[in-house]
């Protein structure tokens, strides 16, 4: 590889990290900022065309991103919202495939219906990264966020399976609707079984290694093992990754504390880096996509792009209305219990959250160049163009207006949930600390323990018992004075800073070895991390 090409490859993650860091400082949704930055960079003089390799995205980027999202998701919450998640991740994807495919087939002269359905399957799955980042920042109700996350975990599997079926029909590979249904069922069942089969032995292995670095290394390989194994037997690699990630994440509490600390930090870094690079690459795809359709009428291309985008958005709202209100009117489903009905505002927010992402682009680039007869794949360049414009329009139009829509509708419910969470945490901390103190008293009675040690441990447990209750006051007392827990954390951080400075000075004076310093600083860092409120 030439040095010049290597430097350009390095420039992509460097620019992505710089833009993402700036977005975090300015509280702009990073995916939107990265896409815009990619669009701008794509037209700078000297910037080469960065072709998006679909295999690279699907086999390298997608597994860890899905695995991390599943790992951090609540299996309990996902199970509680199984019906809406299934209706969105399966039903909505198939409905969007048909709706978009039919609409584009009607407006684009000469476009075969199977090819139009390929486009529909490509743009069907939303990427919830941008939507969830905005939703969490603005305090959307947790149930809404859970539904969006659950949808994003499973909809890629539905869309990619529908995409393969539609491509088979478009290329003349002996397709029937019964074949399509069979392939879909087989892919889902095989992916689920592989995820369930891999999860328990991987968890068993991790809990017996007793080495935090090796345990987390096993977790790094897990998504690739699940994805590649499922794809090797023509199952859904996406479902295999999600199922194994949910299982391992649910059992992660059984790992050692240091393993959890390392794993949490590692996955945050990996996801931040991969998502930043992916969204920048989306913006960088504009020049090659436009070059491929340069021989077509720009008026027609603009009209077809508007129709595709509108059909994608409208299909989501139509489906939400159909599954939310029609069954209730017909008496098929009972109305949801109080506190679980998002209302029309919640449905509008979920409907407008359907931003598309890199999976759609990767699928579009994976369209074969020829059919089974050796003829060129019909209108491949057009499908690629309409995919890009739809992804771009959803990210920019919906992404830029999503925060304003949430504020305008007053759909955020974060303050009430935060208070409820704090009360729940306080009750749990109180019960746990009481159990700890009871256990300490039992040990003190059965063993000859130093009274000073017992008293220090009792004081620590009581401090933790009061800490969450004090948070309900916002960290200040009646006259604005700090509550004891806030004062404790502030003073202890100052003490740790003084200790750290002393250790570093001793290292600089050659009175302390670097290896010893690293060990000491690690212990100080762990204690300082434990002082964080959130």
Protein backbone atom coordinates (compact mmCIF):
# COMPACT_ATOMS: atom_id res chain seq x y z
CA UNK A 1 0.00 0.00 0.00
CA UNK A 2 1.35 3.42 -0.93
CA UNK A 3 2.10 5.81 1.91
CA UNK A 4 -0.29 8.36 0.43
CA UNK A 5 -3.18 5.88 0.49
CA UNK A 6 -2.31 4.83 4.03
CA UNK A 7 -2.42 8.45 5.17
CA UNK A 8 -5.86 8.90 3.62
CA UNK A 9 -7.06 5.79 5.49
CA UNK A 10 -5.71 7.31 8.69
CA UNK A 11 -7.39 10.63 7.89
CA UNK A 12 -10.87 9.07 7.98
CA UNK A 13 -10.86 8.03 11.67
CA UNK A 14 -8.90 11.16 12.66
CA UNK A 15 -11.45 13.48 11.06
CA UNK A 16 -14.31 11.36 12.38
CA UNK A 17 -13.02 11.59 15.95
CA UNK A 18 -12.40 15.34 15.66
CA UNK A 19 -15.92 16.01 14.39
CA UNK A 20 -17.50 13.67 16.95
CA UNK A 21 -15.55 15.34 19.77
CA UNK A 22 -16.69 18.77 18.59
CA UNK A 23 -20.28 17.55 18.41
CA UNK A 24 -20.09 16.28 21.99
CA UNK A 25 -18.83 19.66 23.17
CA UNK A 26 -21.55 21.57 21.34
CA UNK A 27 -24.25 18.99 22.19
CA UNK A 28 -25.05 18.43 18.51
CA UNK A 29 -26.11 14.93 17.50
CA UNK A 30 -22.80 13.40 16.39
CA UNK A 31 -24.24 11.27 13.53
CA UNK A 32 -25.70 14.37 11.86
CA UNK A 33 -22.50 16.37 12.26
CA UNK A 34 -20.44 13.50 10.86
CA UNK A 35 -22.65 13.04 7.80
CA UNK A 36 -22.49 16.76 7.03
CA UNK A 37 -18.72 16.74 7.53
CA UNK A 38 -18.43 13.78 5.17
CA UNK A 39 -20.48 15.58 2.52
CA UNK A 40 -18.25 18.65 2.77
CA UNK A 41 -15.03 16.61 2.73
CA UNK A 42 -16.17 14.63 -0.32
CA UNK A 43 -15.91 17.79 -2.45
CA UNK A 44 -12.62 19.12 -1.08
CA UNK A 45 -9.82 19.15 -3.67
CA UNK A 46 -7.62 16.07 -3.56
CA UNK A 47 -9.94 13.93 -1.44
CA UNK A 48 -10.23 10.48 -3.10
CA UNK A 49 -13.44 8.51 -3.48
CA UNK A 50 -13.95 6.27 -0.47
CA UNK A 51 -15.97 3.35 -1.81
CA UNK A 52 -18.04 1.60 0.83
CA UNK A 53 -17.21 -2.10 0.83
CA UNK A 54 -20.43 -3.89 1.90
CA UNK A 55 -18.59 -6.93 3.25
CA UNK A 56 -16.39 -4.68 5.36
CA UNK A 57 -19.43 -3.01 6.89
CA UNK A 58 -21.49 -6.16 7.41
CA UNK A 59 -18.67 -8.39 8.67
CA UNK A 60 -16.41 -5.92 10.52
CA UNK A 61 -18.48 -2.93 11.66
CA UNK A 62 -21.95 -4.37 12.19
CA UNK A 63 -21.26 -7.28 14.63
CA UNK A 64 -19.56 -5.28 17.41
CA UNK A 65 -22.07 -2.40 17.11
CA UNK A 66 -25.02 -4.77 17.40
CA UNK A 67 -23.36 -6.80 20.15
CA UNK A 68 -22.59 -3.72 22.24
CA UNK A 69 -26.16 -2.43 21.88
CA UNK A 70 -27.57 -5.83 22.87
CA UNK A 71 -25.05 -6.17 25.73
CA UNK A 72 -26.19 -2.87 27.25
CA UNK A 73 -29.90 -3.48 26.66
CA UNK A 74 -32.22 -4.77 29.34
CA UNK A 75 -33.56 -8.20 28.53
CA UNK A 76 -36.35 -7.58 31.02
CA UNK A 77 -37.41 -4.30 29.37
CA UNK A 78 -37.18 -5.78 25.88
CA UNK A 79 -39.35 -8.72 26.92
CA UNK A 80 -41.90 -6.34 28.45
CA UNK A 81 -42.11 -4.45 25.15
CA UNK A 82 -41.90 -7.50 22.91
CA UNK A 83 -45.12 -6.82 20.99
CA UNK A 84 -44.32 -3.25 19.82
CA UNK A 85 -40.70 -4.19 19.12
CA UNK A 86 -41.78 -7.18 17.00
CA UNK A 87 -44.37 -5.13 15.14
CA UNK A 88 -41.69 -2.55 14.27
CA UNK A 89 -38.69 -4.79 13.63
CA UNK A 90 -40.56 -7.39 11.57
CA UNK A 91 -43.96 -6.09 10.54
CA UNK A 92 -42.92 -2.52 9.76
CA UNK A 93 -39.83 -3.60 7.80
CA UNK A 94 -41.89 -5.91 5.56
CA UNK A 95 -44.64 -3.29 5.19
CA UNK A 96 -42.08 -0.61 4.26
CA UNK A 97 -40.47 -2.95 1.75
CA UNK A 98 -43.78 -3.43 -0.03
CA UNK A 99 -44.96 0.18 0.28
CA UNK A 100 -41.73 1.78 -0.95
CA UNK A 101 -41.23 -0.84 -3.65
CA UNK A 102 -44.73 -0.37 -5.04
CA UNK A 103 -44.55 3.45 -4.90
CA UNK A 104 -41.20 3.60 -6.72
CA UNK A 105 -42.35 1.00 -9.26
CA UNK A 106 -45.31 3.26 -10.11
CA UNK A 107 -43.34 6.51 -10.57
CA UNK A 108 -40.14 5.23 -12.24
CA UNK A 109 -40.88 4.21 -15.83
CA UNK A 110 -39.67 0.76 -16.74
CA UNK A 111 -38.41 -0.15 -13.25
CA UNK A 112 -39.23 -3.84 -12.63
CA UNK A 113 -41.22 -4.53 -9.48
CA UNK A 114 -38.63 -7.01 -8.07
CA UNK A 115 -35.93 -4.32 -8.40
CA UNK A 116 -38.21 -1.80 -6.72
CA UNK A 117 -38.72 -4.28 -3.88
CA UNK A 118 -34.94 -4.57 -3.56
CA UNK A 119 -34.88 -0.81 -2.96
CA UNK A 120 -37.76 -1.12 -0.49
CA UNK A 121 -35.92 -3.77 1.52
CA UNK A 122 -32.75 -1.67 1.51
CA UNK A 123 -34.35 1.47 2.97
CA UNK A 124 -36.72 -0.40 5.29
CA UNK A 125 -34.56 -0.71 8.46
CA UNK A 126 -34.06 2.46 10.55
CA UNK A 127 -30.77 3.04 12.35
CA UNK A 128 -31.66 4.21 15.85
CA UNK A 129 -28.21 5.56 16.76
CA UNK A 130 -29.03 9.19 15.95
CA UNK A 131 -32.58 8.98 17.29
CA UNK A 132 -31.60 7.31 20.57
CA UNK A 133 -28.77 9.77 21.22
CA UNK A 134 -31.22 12.67 20.87
CA UNK A 135 -33.97 10.87 22.80
CA UNK A 136 -31.73 10.14 25.77
CA UNK A 137 -30.32 13.67 25.84
CA UNK A 138 -33.78 15.25 25.80
CA UNK A 139 -35.26 12.81 28.30
CA UNK A 140 -37.78 10.79 26.32
CA UNK A 141 -39.62 8.19 28.41
CA UNK A 142 -37.59 5.06 28.93
CA UNK A 143 -40.21 2.85 27.28
CA UNK A 144 -39.95 4.86 24.06
CA UNK A 145 -36.16 4.57 24.07
CA UNK A 146 -36.40 0.83 24.79
CA UNK A 147 -38.73 0.33 21.82
CA UNK A 148 -36.44 2.28 19.49
CA UNK A 149 -33.39 0.32 20.66
CA UNK A 150 -35.21 -3.01 20.41
CA UNK A 151 -36.39 -2.15 16.91
CA UNK A 152 -32.85 -1.32 15.79
CA UNK A 153 -31.50 -4.59 17.23
CA UNK A 154 -33.75 -6.86 15.18
CA UNK A 155 -34.89 -4.91 12.12
CA UNK A 156 -31.58 -5.37 10.27
CA UNK A 157 -32.13 -9.13 10.30
CA UNK A 158 -35.58 -8.77 8.76
CA UNK A 159 -34.39 -6.26 6.17
CA UNK A 160 -31.30 -8.19 5.10
CA UNK A 161 -33.33 -11.38 4.72
CA UNK A 162 -35.98 -9.53 2.69
CA UNK A 163 -33.17 -7.98 0.65
CA UNK A 164 -31.74 -11.40 -0.25
CA UNK A 165 -35.18 -12.67 -1.22
CA UNK A 166 -35.84 -9.60 -3.39
CA UNK A 167 -32.42 -9.86 -5.05
CA UNK A 168 -33.10 -13.52 -5.82
CA UNK A 169 -36.35 -12.49 -7.49
CA UNK A 170 -34.70 -9.65 -9.42
CA UNK A 171 -31.84 -11.80 -10.70
CA UNK A 172 -34.08 -14.70 -11.69
CA UNK A 173 -32.70 -17.18 -9.18
CA UNK A 174 -35.83 -19.33 -9.04
CA UNK A 175 -37.85 -17.28 -6.56
CA UNK A 176 -41.35 -17.91 -5.21
CA UNK A 177 -43.13 -16.23 -2.32
CA UNK A 178 -43.16 -19.56 -0.49
CA UNK A 179 -39.39 -19.75 -0.92
CA UNK A 180 -39.12 -16.26 0.50
CA UNK A 181 -41.18 -17.09 3.57
CA UNK A 182 -39.17 -20.29 4.09
CA UNK A 183 -35.85 -18.46 3.82
CA UNK A 184 -37.01 -15.82 6.26
CA UNK A 185 -38.20 -18.38 8.83
CA UNK A 186 -35.05 -20.48 8.47
CA UNK A 187 -32.74 -17.46 8.85
CA UNK A 188 -34.54 -16.25 11.98
CA UNK A 189 -34.69 -19.68 13.64
CA UNK A 190 -31.09 -20.58 12.76
CA UNK A 191 -29.79 -17.22 13.99
CA UNK A 192 -31.70 -17.51 17.27
CA UNK A 193 -30.51 -21.06 17.91
CA UNK A 194 -26.88 -20.20 17.20
CA UNK A 195 -27.06 -17.20 19.53
CA UNK A 196 -28.57 -19.36 22.27
CA UNK A 197 -26.03 -22.15 21.71
CA UNK A 198 -23.01 -19.83 21.81
CA UNK A 199 -24.13 -17.70 24.77
CA UNK A 200 -23.92 -20.21 27.68
CA UNK A 201 -20.50 -21.73 26.85
CA UNK A 202 -18.99 -18.28 26.26
CA UNK A 203 -20.36 -17.13 29.62
CA UNK A 204 -19.08 -20.32 31.30
CA UNK A 205 -15.63 -19.73 29.81
CA UNK A 206 -15.49 -16.06 30.81
CA UNK A 207 -16.45 -16.73 34.43
CA UNK A 208 -13.66 -19.32 34.81
CA UNK A 209 -10.74 -17.51 33.24
CA UNK A 210 -10.08 -15.26 36.25
CA UNK A 211 -8.25 -12.83 34.01
CA UNK A 212 -10.07 -9.54 33.21
CA UNK A 213 -8.14 -8.89 29.98
CA UNK A 214 -8.71 -12.38 28.59
CA UNK A 215 -12.37 -12.33 29.65
CA UNK A 216 -12.97 -9.11 27.73
CA UNK A 217 -10.99 -10.42 24.78
CA UNK A 218 -13.44 -13.34 24.62
CA UNK A 219 -16.28 -10.80 24.56
CA UNK A 220 -14.61 -9.03 21.61
CA UNK A 221 -14.55 -12.26 19.59
CA UNK A 222 -18.09 -13.28 20.58
CA UNK A 223 -20.00 -11.11 18.05
CA UNK A 224 -17.79 -12.24 15.17
CA UNK A 225 -18.14 -15.89 16.21
CA UNK A 226 -21.92 -15.58 16.32
CA UNK A 227 -22.21 -13.63 13.06
CA UNK A 228 -19.85 -15.77 10.99
CA UNK A 229 -21.26 -19.05 12.30
CA UNK A 230 -24.82 -18.03 11.48
CA UNK A 231 -23.91 -16.70 8.04
CA UNK A 232 -21.97 -19.89 7.28
CA UNK A 233 -25.19 -21.90 7.59
CA UNK A 234 -27.24 -19.20 5.80
CA UNK A 235 -28.89 -18.08 9.04
CA UNK A 236 -29.27 -14.52 10.29
CA UNK A 237 -25.95 -13.33 11.65
CA UNK A 238 -27.69 -10.24 13.04
CA UNK A 239 -30.09 -12.26 15.19
CA UNK A 240 -27.28 -14.55 16.35
CA UNK A 241 -25.22 -11.56 17.50
CA UNK A 242 -28.17 -9.89 19.23
CA UNK A 243 -29.30 -13.05 21.04
CA UNK A 244 -25.79 -13.89 22.26
CA UNK A 245 -25.22 -10.26 23.25
CA UNK A 246 -28.46 -10.13 25.25
CA UNK A 247 -27.59 -13.36 27.05
CA UNK A 248 -24.02 -12.37 27.91
CA UNK A 249 -25.06 -8.85 28.90
CA UNK A 250 -27.77 -10.22 31.20
CA UNK A 251 -25.21 -12.51 32.90
CA UNK A 252 -22.47 -9.87 32.99
CA UNK A 253 -23.23 -9.18 36.66
CA UNK A 254 -21.59 -12.52 37.48
CA UNK A 255 -18.19 -11.27 36.28
CA UNK A 256 -15.60 -9.73 38.56
CA UNK A 257 -15.76 -6.00 39.28
CA UNK A 258 -12.52 -5.20 37.45
CA UNK A 259 -13.76 -7.16 34.42
CA UNK A 260 -16.92 -5.06 34.32
CA UNK A 261 -14.95 -1.82 34.64
CA UNK A 262 -12.61 -2.71 31.79
CA UNK A 263 -15.42 -4.06 29.60
CA UNK A 264 -17.63 -1.01 30.09
CA UNK A 265 -14.84 1.39 29.14
CA UNK A 266 -13.67 -0.73 26.23
CA UNK A 267 -17.07 -1.03 24.56
CA UNK A 268 -17.76 2.69 24.94
CA UNK A 269 -14.51 3.47 23.10
CA UNK A 270 -15.11 0.87 20.36
CA UNK A 271 -18.67 1.99 19.69
CA UNK A 272 -17.70 5.66 19.70
CA UNK A 273 -14.92 5.05 17.17
CA UNK A 274 -16.87 2.72 14.87
CA UNK A 275 -20.01 4.85 14.80
CA UNK A 276 -17.97 7.99 14.11
CA UNK A 277 -16.18 6.38 11.17
CA UNK A 278 -19.38 4.85 9.77
CA UNK A 279 -21.35 8.10 9.68
CA UNK A 280 -18.44 10.01 8.16
CA UNK A 281 -18.21 7.32 5.45
CA UNK A 282 -21.90 7.84 4.66
CA UNK A 283 -21.22 11.46 3.77
CA UNK A 284 -18.14 10.54 1.74
CA UNK A 285 -20.20 8.31 -0.61
CA UNK A 286 -21.81 11.23 -2.48
CA UNK A 287 -19.39 11.69 -5.45
CA UNK A 288 -19.32 8.06 -6.67
CA UNK A 289 -23.08 7.75 -6.27
CA UNK A 290 -23.72 10.92 -8.30
CA UNK A 291 -21.24 9.87 -10.98
CA UNK A 292 -23.16 6.64 -11.53
CA UNK A 293 -26.39 8.49 -12.45
CA UNK A 294 -24.88 11.48 -14.24
CA UNK A 295 -26.42 10.34 -17.54
CA UNK A 296 -29.99 10.63 -16.20
CA UNK A 297 -32.28 13.66 -15.97
CA UNK A 298 -31.71 15.51 -12.70
CA UNK A 299 -35.36 16.59 -12.61
CA UNK A 300 -36.49 12.98 -12.73
CA UNK A 301 -33.89 11.91 -10.18
CA UNK A 302 -35.03 14.63 -7.77
CA UNK A 303 -38.69 13.63 -8.17
CA UNK A 304 -37.95 9.94 -7.65
CA UNK A 305 -35.82 10.73 -4.59
CA UNK A 306 -38.66 12.77 -3.05
CA UNK A 307 -41.14 9.96 -3.69
CA UNK A 308 -38.83 7.35 -2.15
CA UNK A 309 -38.20 9.47 0.94
CA UNK A 310 -41.88 10.35 1.33
CA UNK A 311 -42.98 6.72 0.91
CA UNK A 312 -40.42 5.62 3.52
CA UNK A 313 -41.63 8.17 6.07
CA UNK A 314 -45.36 7.81 5.38
CA UNK A 315 -45.18 4.00 5.51
CA UNK A 316 -43.85 4.21 9.08
CA UNK A 317 -46.68 6.48 10.23
CA UNK A 318 -49.33 4.40 8.46
CA UNK A 319 -48.04 1.22 10.06
CA UNK A 320 -47.94 2.79 13.52
CA UNK A 321 -51.55 3.92 13.11
CA UNK A 322 -52.67 0.52 11.84
CA UNK A 323 -51.09 -1.51 14.66
CA UNK A 324 -51.83 1.00 17.42
CA UNK A 325 -55.44 2.02 16.84
CA UNK A 326 -57.16 -0.36 14.42
CA UNK A 327 -56.84 -3.48 16.67
CA UNK A 328 -58.18 -1.47 19.61
CA UNK A 329 -61.16 -0.32 17.55
CA UNK A 330 -61.86 -3.89 16.49
CA UNK A 331 -61.46 -5.16 20.06
CA UNK A 332 -58.59 -7.48 19.13
CA UNK A 333 -56.26 -6.13 21.83
CA UNK A 334 -57.05 -4.64 25.17
CA UNK A 335 -55.90 -1.05 25.67
CA UNK A 336 -52.50 -0.77 27.36
CA UNK A 337 -52.43 -0.25 31.10
CA UNK A 338 -52.13 3.23 32.47
CA UNK A 339 -48.62 4.62 32.21
CA UNK A 340 -47.74 2.36 29.26
CA UNK A 341 -49.70 4.10 26.53
CA UNK A 342 -47.40 6.59 24.74
CA UNK A 343 -50.42 8.43 23.31
CA UNK A 344 -50.47 10.19 19.98
CA UNK A 345 -47.45 12.31 20.91
CA UNK A 346 -45.40 9.21 21.57
CA UNK A 347 -46.48 7.68 18.27
CA UNK A 348 -45.50 10.84 16.40
CA UNK A 349 -42.07 10.80 18.04
CA UNK A 350 -41.53 7.12 17.23
CA UNK A 351 -42.75 7.72 13.69
CA UNK A 352 -40.34 10.59 13.09
CA UNK A 353 -37.43 8.61 14.60
CA UNK A 354 -37.01 6.39 11.54
CA UNK A 355 -33.61 7.61 10.38
CA UNK A 356 -31.69 5.32 8.05
CA UNK A 357 -28.00 4.50 8.28
CA UNK A 358 -25.04 2.52 7.07
CA UNK A 359 -26.79 -0.89 6.86
CA UNK A 360 -28.97 0.48 4.06
CA UNK A 361 -25.94 1.75 2.16
CA UNK A 362 -24.02 -1.49 2.69
CA UNK A 363 -26.95 -3.50 1.34
CA UNK A 364 -27.22 -1.22 -1.70
CA UNK A 365 -23.55 -1.64 -2.53
CA UNK A 366 -23.98 -5.42 -2.13
CA UNK A 367 -26.43 -5.60 -5.07
CA UNK A 368 -24.87 -7.89 -7.70
CA UNK A 369 -23.74 -6.32 -10.96
CA UNK A 370 -25.33 -9.04 -13.10
CA UNK A 371 -28.31 -11.37 -13.06
CA UNK A 372 -28.11 -15.16 -13.31
CA UNK A 373 -28.26 -14.86 -17.11
CA UNK A 374 -25.20 -12.59 -17.18
CA UNK A 375 -27.17 -9.44 -18.06
CA UNK A 376 -26.51 -6.25 -16.07
CA UNK A 377 -28.63 -5.90 -12.93
CA UNK A 378 -31.52 -3.58 -13.92
CA UNK A 379 -31.11 0.04 -12.75
CA UNK A 380 -28.49 -0.79 -10.12
CA UNK A 381 -27.11 2.77 -10.25
CA UNK A 382 -30.58 4.22 -9.69
CA UNK A 383 -31.24 2.00 -6.68
CA UNK A 384 -27.90 3.09 -5.22
CA UNK A 385 -28.73 6.77 -5.79
CA UNK A 386 -32.21 6.52 -4.25
CA UNK A 387 -30.79 4.66 -1.27
CA UNK A 388 -28.23 7.38 -0.65
CA UNK A 389 -30.73 10.23 -0.99
CA UNK A 390 -33.15 8.48 1.37
CA UNK A 391 -30.47 7.86 3.99
CA UNK A 392 -29.26 11.44 3.66
CA UNK A 393 -32.77 12.92 3.78
CA UNK A 394 -33.79 10.97 6.87
CA UNK A 395 -30.60 11.88 8.71
CA UNK A 396 -30.73 15.56 7.83
CA UNK A 397 -34.46 16.31 7.60
CA UNK A 398 -35.67 14.09 10.41
CA UNK A 399 -32.46 14.23 12.42
CA UNK A 400 -32.23 18.02 12.47
CA UNK A 401 -35.91 18.49 13.34
CA UNK A 402 -36.20 15.61 15.83
CA UNK A 403 -35.14 17.61 18.94
CA UNK A 404 -37.48 20.48 18.05
CA UNK A 405 -40.35 18.03 17.52
CA UNK A 406 -39.82 16.47 20.95
CA UNK A 407 -39.81 19.88 22.62
CA UNK A 408 -42.82 21.11 20.64
CA UNK A 409 -44.90 18.04 21.55
CA UNK A 410 -43.73 18.07 25.16
CA UNK A 411 -43.04 14.36 24.81
CA UNK A 412 -40.08 14.26 27.20
CA UNK A 413 -40.79 12.59 30.52
CA UNK A 414 -37.27 12.39 31.84
CA UNK A 415 -37.64 14.51 35.00
CA UNK A 416 -40.36 12.30 36.46
CA UNK A 417 -38.46 9.14 35.56
CA UNK A 418 -35.23 10.55 37.02
CA UNK A 419 -36.99 11.26 40.32
CA UNK A 420 -38.58 7.81 40.30
CA UNK A 421 -35.21 6.21 39.55
CA UNK A 422 -33.58 8.11 42.41
CA UNK A 423 -36.27 7.03 44.85
CA UNK A 424 -35.90 3.42 43.68
CA UNK A 425 -32.12 3.64 43.99
CA UNK A 426 -32.41 5.12 47.47
CA UNK A 427 -34.66 2.29 48.60
CA UNK A 428 -32.34 -0.31 47.10
CA UNK A 429 -29.25 1.31 48.61
CA UNK A 430 -30.98 1.41 52.00
CA UNK A 431 -31.92 -2.28 51.84
CA UNK A 432 -28.49 -3.33 50.57
CA UNK A 433 -26.64 -1.30 53.19
CA UNK A 434 -28.86 -2.74 55.93
CA UNK A 435 -28.00 -6.24 54.72
CA UNK A 436 -24.30 -5.32 54.71
CA UNK A 437 -24.47 -3.96 58.26
CA UNK A 438 -26.33 -7.07 59.46
CA UNK A 439 -23.67 -9.29 57.90
CA UNK A 440 -20.94 -7.17 59.51
CA UNK A 441 -22.61 -7.57 62.92
CA UNK A 442 -22.76 -11.36 62.42
CA UNK A 443 -19.04 -11.47 61.58
CA UNK A 444 -18.18 -9.22 64.51
CA UNK A 445 -20.00 -11.55 66.91
CA UNK A 446 -18.43 -14.74 65.53
CA UNK A 447 -14.87 -13.43 65.10
CA UNK A 448 -12.45 -11.43 67.18
CA UNK A 449 -12.29 -8.30 64.98
CA UNK A 450 -10.64 -4.95 65.54
CA UNK A 451 -13.31 -2.49 66.72
CA UNK A 452 -11.85 0.37 64.70
CA UNK A 453 -12.07 -1.67 61.50
CA UNK A 454 -15.68 -2.66 62.23
CA UNK A 455 -16.61 0.96 62.98
CA UNK A 456 -15.03 2.25 59.80
CA UNK A 457 -16.91 -0.35 57.73
CA UNK A 458 -20.17 0.46 59.50
CA UNK A 459 -19.67 4.16 58.80
CA UNK A 460 -19.00 3.45 55.13
CA UNK A 461 -22.20 1.40 54.82
CA UNK A 462 -24.27 4.07 56.55
CA UNK A 463 -22.80 6.75 54.31
CA UNK A 464 -23.80 4.79 51.22
CA UNK A 465 -27.24 4.21 52.75
CA UNK A 466 -27.85 7.97 53.01
CA UNK A 467 -26.22 9.00 49.77
CA UNK A 468 -29.09 8.27 47.36
CA UNK A 469 -31.65 9.87 49.69
CA UNK A 470 -29.54 13.04 49.78
CA UNK A 471 -29.54 13.14 45.97
CA UNK A 472 -33.29 13.80 46.07
CA UNK A 473 -32.40 17.22 47.44
CA UNK A 474 -30.20 17.98 44.45
CA UNK A 475 -26.95 18.00 46.40
CA UNK A 476 -27.69 21.07 48.55
CA UNK A 477 -29.32 21.65 51.88
CA UNK A 478 -32.12 24.06 52.91
CA UNK A 479 -29.90 27.15 52.66
CA UNK A 480 -27.84 26.07 49.68
CA UNK A 481 -25.20 24.29 51.77
CA UNK A 482 -23.67 21.06 50.52
CA UNK A 483 -25.15 17.86 51.86
CA UNK A 484 -22.63 15.54 53.54
CA UNK A 485 -22.30 13.14 50.59
CA UNK A 486 -21.42 15.96 48.19
CA UNK A 487 -18.91 17.40 50.63
CA UNK A 488 -17.39 13.96 51.16
CA UNK A 489 -16.91 13.38 47.43
CA UNK A 490 -15.46 16.85 46.84
CA UNK A 491 -12.97 16.61 49.69
CA UNK A 492 -11.98 13.05 48.84
CA UNK A 493 -11.29 14.04 45.22
CA UNK A 494 -9.06 16.86 46.45
CA UNK A 495 -7.21 14.40 48.70
CA UNK A 496 -6.77 11.94 45.83
CA UNK A 497 -5.41 14.73 43.61
CA UNK A 498 -2.85 15.58 46.29
CA UNK A 499 -1.85 11.92 46.66
CA UNK A 500 -1.54 11.55 42.88
CA UNK A 501 0.65 14.66 42.61
CA UNK A 502 2.93 13.32 45.36
CA UNK A 503 3.35 9.93 43.67
CA UNK A 504 4.13 11.57 40.31
CA UNK A 505 6.68 13.88 41.92
CA UNK A 506 8.39 10.90 43.53
CA UNK A 507 8.51 9.19 40.14
CA UNK A 508 10.04 12.29 38.55
CA UNK A 509 12.65 12.35 41.33
CA UNK A 510 13.50 8.71 40.57
CA UNK A 511 12.30 7.59 44.00
CA UNK A 512 9.48 5.51 42.52
CA UNK A 513 9.50 3.17 39.56
CA UNK A 514 7.01 3.68 36.70
CA UNK A 515 5.59 0.20 37.14
CA UNK A 516 4.90 0.87 40.82
CA UNK A 517 3.38 4.26 39.92
CA UNK A 518 1.02 2.68 37.37
CA UNK A 519 -0.24 0.20 39.98
CA UNK A 520 -0.81 2.94 42.56
CA UNK A 521 -2.54 5.28 40.11
CA UNK A 522 -4.85 2.47 39.01
CA UNK A 523 -6.05 2.04 42.59
CA UNK A 524 -6.55 5.79 42.97
CA UNK A 525 -8.44 5.92 39.68
CA UNK A 526 -10.78 3.14 40.77
CA UNK A 527 -11.57 4.98 43.99
CA UNK A 528 -12.11 8.26 42.16
CA UNK A 529 -14.42 6.52 39.69
CA UNK A 530 -16.46 5.22 42.61
CA UNK A 531 -17.02 8.82 43.74
CA UNK A 532 -18.91 9.73 40.58
CA UNK A 533 -22.58 10.42 41.17
CA UNK A 534 -23.75 8.90 37.86
